[in-house]
């Protein structure tokens, strides 16, 4: 999957900041476990996205397993913004 949107760079940057990783380590093709994300970090990413984009995640989307890849997460955020 190659997710290219006007939001993807910003979301990838947020994820990188939470994990303190260089940007090239976080790509849409990877999943959250691949990059060492834990549940607390994932919730922090959700909070950053909700604040940045003025959106609200559905309750069933608060688990990393809801998103097979980071690209799927980006698509979900974009669907809430649009």
N, C-alpha and C. Protein backbone atom coordinates (compact mmCIF):
# COMPACT_ATOMS: atom_id res chain seq x y z
N UNK A 1 0.84 -1.18 0.00
CA UNK A 1 0.00 0.00 0.00
C UNK A 1 0.88 1.24 0.00
N UNK A 2 0.56 2.18 -0.84
CA UNK A 2 1.29 3.43 -0.88
C UNK A 2 0.30 4.56 -0.67
N UNK A 3 0.23 5.02 0.54
CA UNK A 3 -0.74 6.06 0.88
C UNK A 3 -0.08 7.42 0.69
N UNK A 4 -0.65 8.20 -0.19
CA UNK A 4 -0.16 9.55 -0.40
C UNK A 4 -1.35 10.48 -0.24
N UNK A 5 -1.28 11.29 0.77
CA UNK A 5 -2.34 12.27 1.00
C UNK A 5 -1.71 13.51 1.60
N UNK A 6 -2.48 14.55 1.67
CA UNK A 6 -1.93 15.76 2.25
C UNK A 6 -1.77 15.63 3.77
N UNK A 7 -2.33 14.58 4.34
CA UNK A 7 -2.23 14.35 5.77
C UNK A 7 -1.14 13.35 6.14
N UNK A 8 -0.74 12.51 5.20
CA UNK A 8 0.15 11.40 5.53
C UNK A 8 1.49 11.86 6.11
N UNK A 9 2.11 12.86 5.54
CA UNK A 9 3.40 13.33 6.05
C UNK A 9 3.27 13.81 7.49
N UNK A 10 2.20 14.53 7.77
CA UNK A 10 1.98 15.05 9.12
C UNK A 10 1.75 13.92 10.11
N UNK A 11 0.96 12.92 9.72
CA UNK A 11 0.67 11.80 10.62
C UNK A 11 1.93 10.96 10.83
N UNK A 12 2.69 10.70 9.78
CA UNK A 12 3.93 9.95 9.92
C UNK A 12 4.90 10.69 10.84
N UNK A 13 4.93 12.00 10.75
CA UNK A 13 5.79 12.81 11.62
C UNK A 13 5.34 12.68 13.07
N UNK A 14 4.04 12.71 13.32
CA UNK A 14 3.52 12.55 14.69
C UNK A 14 3.94 11.21 15.27
N UNK A 15 3.80 10.16 14.48
CA UNK A 15 4.17 8.81 14.94
C UNK A 15 5.66 8.77 15.24
N UNK A 16 6.48 9.34 14.36
CA UNK A 16 7.93 9.37 14.57
C UNK A 16 8.29 10.11 15.85
N UNK A 17 7.61 11.22 16.11
CA UNK A 17 7.88 12.01 17.31
C UNK A 17 7.53 11.24 18.58
N UNK A 18 6.39 10.56 18.58
CA UNK A 18 5.98 9.80 19.75
C UNK A 18 7.00 8.71 20.07
N UNK A 19 7.50 8.05 19.04
CA UNK A 19 8.45 6.95 19.24
C UNK A 19 9.91 7.41 19.24
N UNK A 20 10.13 8.69 18.97
CA UNK A 20 11.47 9.24 18.87
C UNK A 20 12.30 8.46 17.85
N UNK A 21 11.71 8.25 16.69
CA UNK A 21 12.36 7.56 15.58
C UNK A 21 12.63 8.54 14.45
N UNK A 22 13.60 8.22 13.62
CA UNK A 22 13.81 9.04 12.43
C UNK A 22 12.65 8.78 11.47
N UNK A 23 12.31 9.78 10.70
CA UNK A 23 11.16 9.72 9.82
C UNK A 23 11.19 8.59 8.82
N UNK A 24 12.37 8.18 8.37
CA UNK A 24 12.43 7.14 7.35
C UNK A 24 12.15 5.74 7.92
N UNK A 25 12.07 5.62 9.23
CA UNK A 25 11.76 4.33 9.85
C UNK A 25 10.25 4.07 9.91
N UNK A 26 9.46 5.13 9.75
CA UNK A 26 8.01 5.02 9.84
C UNK A 26 7.44 5.21 8.44
N UNK A 27 6.89 4.12 7.89
CA UNK A 27 6.32 4.18 6.54
C UNK A 27 4.92 3.58 6.55
N UNK A 28 4.10 3.95 5.59
CA UNK A 28 2.72 3.44 5.54
C UNK A 28 2.63 1.92 5.41
N UNK A 29 3.66 1.29 4.88
CA UNK A 29 3.61 -0.15 4.67
C UNK A 29 3.81 -0.95 5.95
N UNK A 30 4.42 -0.35 6.94
CA UNK A 30 4.72 -1.05 8.19
C UNK A 30 3.48 -1.08 9.10
N UNK A 31 3.52 -1.97 10.08
CA UNK A 31 2.47 -1.93 11.09
C UNK A 31 3.06 -1.34 12.38
N UNK A 32 2.20 -1.02 13.32
CA UNK A 32 2.67 -0.35 14.53
C UNK A 32 3.62 -1.21 15.36
N UNK A 33 3.40 -2.51 15.37
CA UNK A 33 4.28 -3.39 16.12
C UNK A 33 5.69 -3.42 15.50
N UNK A 34 5.76 -3.34 14.17
CA UNK A 34 7.06 -3.33 13.47
C UNK A 34 7.97 -2.19 13.95
N UNK A 35 7.38 -1.09 14.33
CA UNK A 35 8.18 0.08 14.70
C UNK A 35 8.29 0.25 16.21
N UNK A 36 7.80 -0.72 16.96
CA UNK A 36 7.95 -0.69 18.41
C UNK A 36 6.90 0.09 19.17
N UNK A 37 5.76 0.34 18.54
CA UNK A 37 4.69 1.09 19.19
C UNK A 37 4.05 0.22 20.27
N UNK A 38 3.77 0.83 21.43
CA UNK A 38 2.99 0.15 22.46
C UNK A 38 1.65 0.85 22.58
N UNK A 39 0.77 0.34 23.42
CA UNK A 39 -0.59 0.88 23.49
C UNK A 39 -0.62 2.32 24.00
N UNK A 40 0.26 2.67 24.91
CA UNK A 40 0.28 4.05 25.41
C UNK A 40 0.75 5.00 24.31
N UNK A 41 1.77 4.61 23.58
CA UNK A 41 2.22 5.44 22.46
C UNK A 41 1.15 5.60 21.41
N UNK A 42 0.41 4.51 21.16
CA UNK A 42 -0.67 4.56 20.16
C UNK A 42 -1.75 5.55 20.59
N UNK A 43 -2.12 5.53 21.87
CA UNK A 43 -3.12 6.48 22.37
C UNK A 43 -2.59 7.90 22.24
N UNK A 44 -1.30 8.11 22.47
CA UNK A 44 -0.71 9.45 22.30
C UNK A 44 -0.82 9.91 20.85
N UNK A 45 -0.60 9.00 19.91
CA UNK A 45 -0.74 9.35 18.49
C UNK A 45 -2.20 9.72 18.19
N UNK A 46 -3.13 8.95 18.72
CA UNK A 46 -4.55 9.26 18.51
C UNK A 46 -4.88 10.65 19.06
N UNK A 47 -4.41 10.96 20.26
CA UNK A 47 -4.68 12.27 20.87
C UNK A 47 -4.09 13.38 20.01
N UNK A 48 -2.87 13.17 19.51
CA UNK A 48 -2.26 14.18 18.63
C UNK A 48 -3.10 14.38 17.37
N UNK A 49 -3.56 13.29 16.77
CA UNK A 49 -4.38 13.40 15.56
C UNK A 49 -5.70 14.08 15.85
N UNK A 50 -6.34 13.71 16.95
CA UNK A 50 -7.63 14.34 17.29
C UNK A 50 -7.47 15.84 17.49
N UNK A 51 -6.38 16.23 18.13
CA UNK A 51 -6.13 17.65 18.39
C UNK A 51 -5.77 18.38 17.10
N UNK A 52 -4.85 17.81 16.34
CA UNK A 52 -4.36 18.46 15.11
C UNK A 52 -5.45 18.63 14.06
N UNK A 53 -6.29 17.62 13.90
CA UNK A 53 -7.27 17.62 12.82
C UNK A 53 -8.69 17.88 13.29
N UNK A 54 -8.87 18.11 14.59
CA UNK A 54 -10.20 18.37 15.17
C UNK A 54 -11.18 17.26 14.80
N UNK A 55 -10.78 16.03 15.13
CA UNK A 55 -11.58 14.85 14.84
C UNK A 55 -11.76 14.05 16.12
N UNK A 56 -12.60 13.02 16.07
CA UNK A 56 -12.78 12.13 17.21
C UNK A 56 -12.82 10.69 16.71
N UNK A 57 -11.92 9.88 17.23
CA UNK A 57 -11.87 8.46 16.87
C UNK A 57 -13.07 7.73 17.47
N UNK A 58 -13.58 6.75 16.74
CA UNK A 58 -14.62 5.89 17.28
C UNK A 58 -14.00 4.99 18.34
N UNK A 59 -14.79 4.60 19.33
CA UNK A 59 -14.27 3.80 20.45
C UNK A 59 -13.61 2.51 19.99
N UNK A 60 -14.12 1.89 18.95
CA UNK A 60 -13.56 0.61 18.50
C UNK A 60 -12.24 0.77 17.74
N UNK A 61 -11.77 2.00 17.57
CA UNK A 61 -10.53 2.25 16.83
C UNK A 61 -9.36 2.59 17.76
N UNK A 62 -9.54 2.38 19.07
CA UNK A 62 -8.49 2.71 20.02
C UNK A 62 -7.49 1.57 20.22
N UNK A 63 -7.54 0.55 19.37
CA UNK A 63 -6.61 -0.57 19.44
C UNK A 63 -5.74 -0.59 18.19
N UNK A 64 -4.46 -0.82 18.37
CA UNK A 64 -3.56 -0.90 17.22
C UNK A 64 -3.99 -1.98 16.24
N UNK A 65 -4.59 -3.04 16.76
CA UNK A 65 -5.01 -4.14 15.90
C UNK A 65 -6.15 -3.76 14.96
N UNK A 66 -6.75 -2.59 15.18
CA UNK A 66 -7.78 -2.11 14.26
C UNK A 66 -7.19 -1.68 12.92
N UNK A 67 -5.87 -1.52 12.89
CA UNK A 67 -5.19 -1.02 11.70
C UNK A 67 -4.05 -1.96 11.32
N UNK A 68 -4.25 -2.78 10.28
CA UNK A 68 -3.20 -3.72 9.85
C UNK A 68 -1.88 -3.03 9.48
N UNK A 69 -1.97 -1.82 8.93
CA UNK A 69 -0.76 -1.06 8.58
C UNK A 69 -0.92 0.39 9.01
N UNK A 70 0.19 1.09 9.05
CA UNK A 70 0.14 2.53 9.34
C UNK A 70 -0.63 3.24 8.24
N UNK A 71 -0.53 2.75 7.02
CA UNK A 71 -1.30 3.32 5.91
C UNK A 71 -2.80 3.24 6.16
N UNK A 72 -3.26 2.13 6.74
CA UNK A 72 -4.68 1.99 7.07
C UNK A 72 -5.08 3.02 8.13
N UNK A 73 -4.19 3.28 9.08
CA UNK A 73 -4.44 4.30 10.09
C UNK A 73 -4.57 5.67 9.44
N UNK A 74 -3.66 5.97 8.52
CA UNK A 74 -3.69 7.26 7.82
C UNK A 74 -5.01 7.41 7.05
N UNK A 75 -5.42 6.35 6.36
CA UNK A 75 -6.68 6.40 5.61
C UNK A 75 -7.87 6.64 6.54
N UNK A 76 -7.84 6.04 7.73
CA UNK A 76 -8.94 6.24 8.68
C UNK A 76 -8.96 7.70 9.15
N UNK A 77 -7.81 8.24 9.51
CA UNK A 77 -7.76 9.63 9.95
C UNK A 77 -8.27 10.53 8.82
N UNK A 78 -7.82 10.29 7.61
CA UNK A 78 -8.25 11.10 6.49
C UNK A 78 -9.77 11.01 6.28
N UNK A 79 -10.35 9.83 6.51
CA UNK A 79 -11.79 9.67 6.34
C UNK A 79 -12.57 10.49 7.36
N UNK A 80 -11.98 10.71 8.53
CA UNK A 80 -12.63 11.52 9.56
C UNK A 80 -12.50 13.01 9.26
N UNK A 81 -11.42 13.38 8.61
CA UNK A 81 -11.16 14.79 8.31
C UNK A 81 -12.04 15.27 7.15
N UNK A 82 -12.20 14.42 6.16
CA UNK A 82 -12.92 14.82 4.93
C UNK A 82 -14.41 14.81 5.10
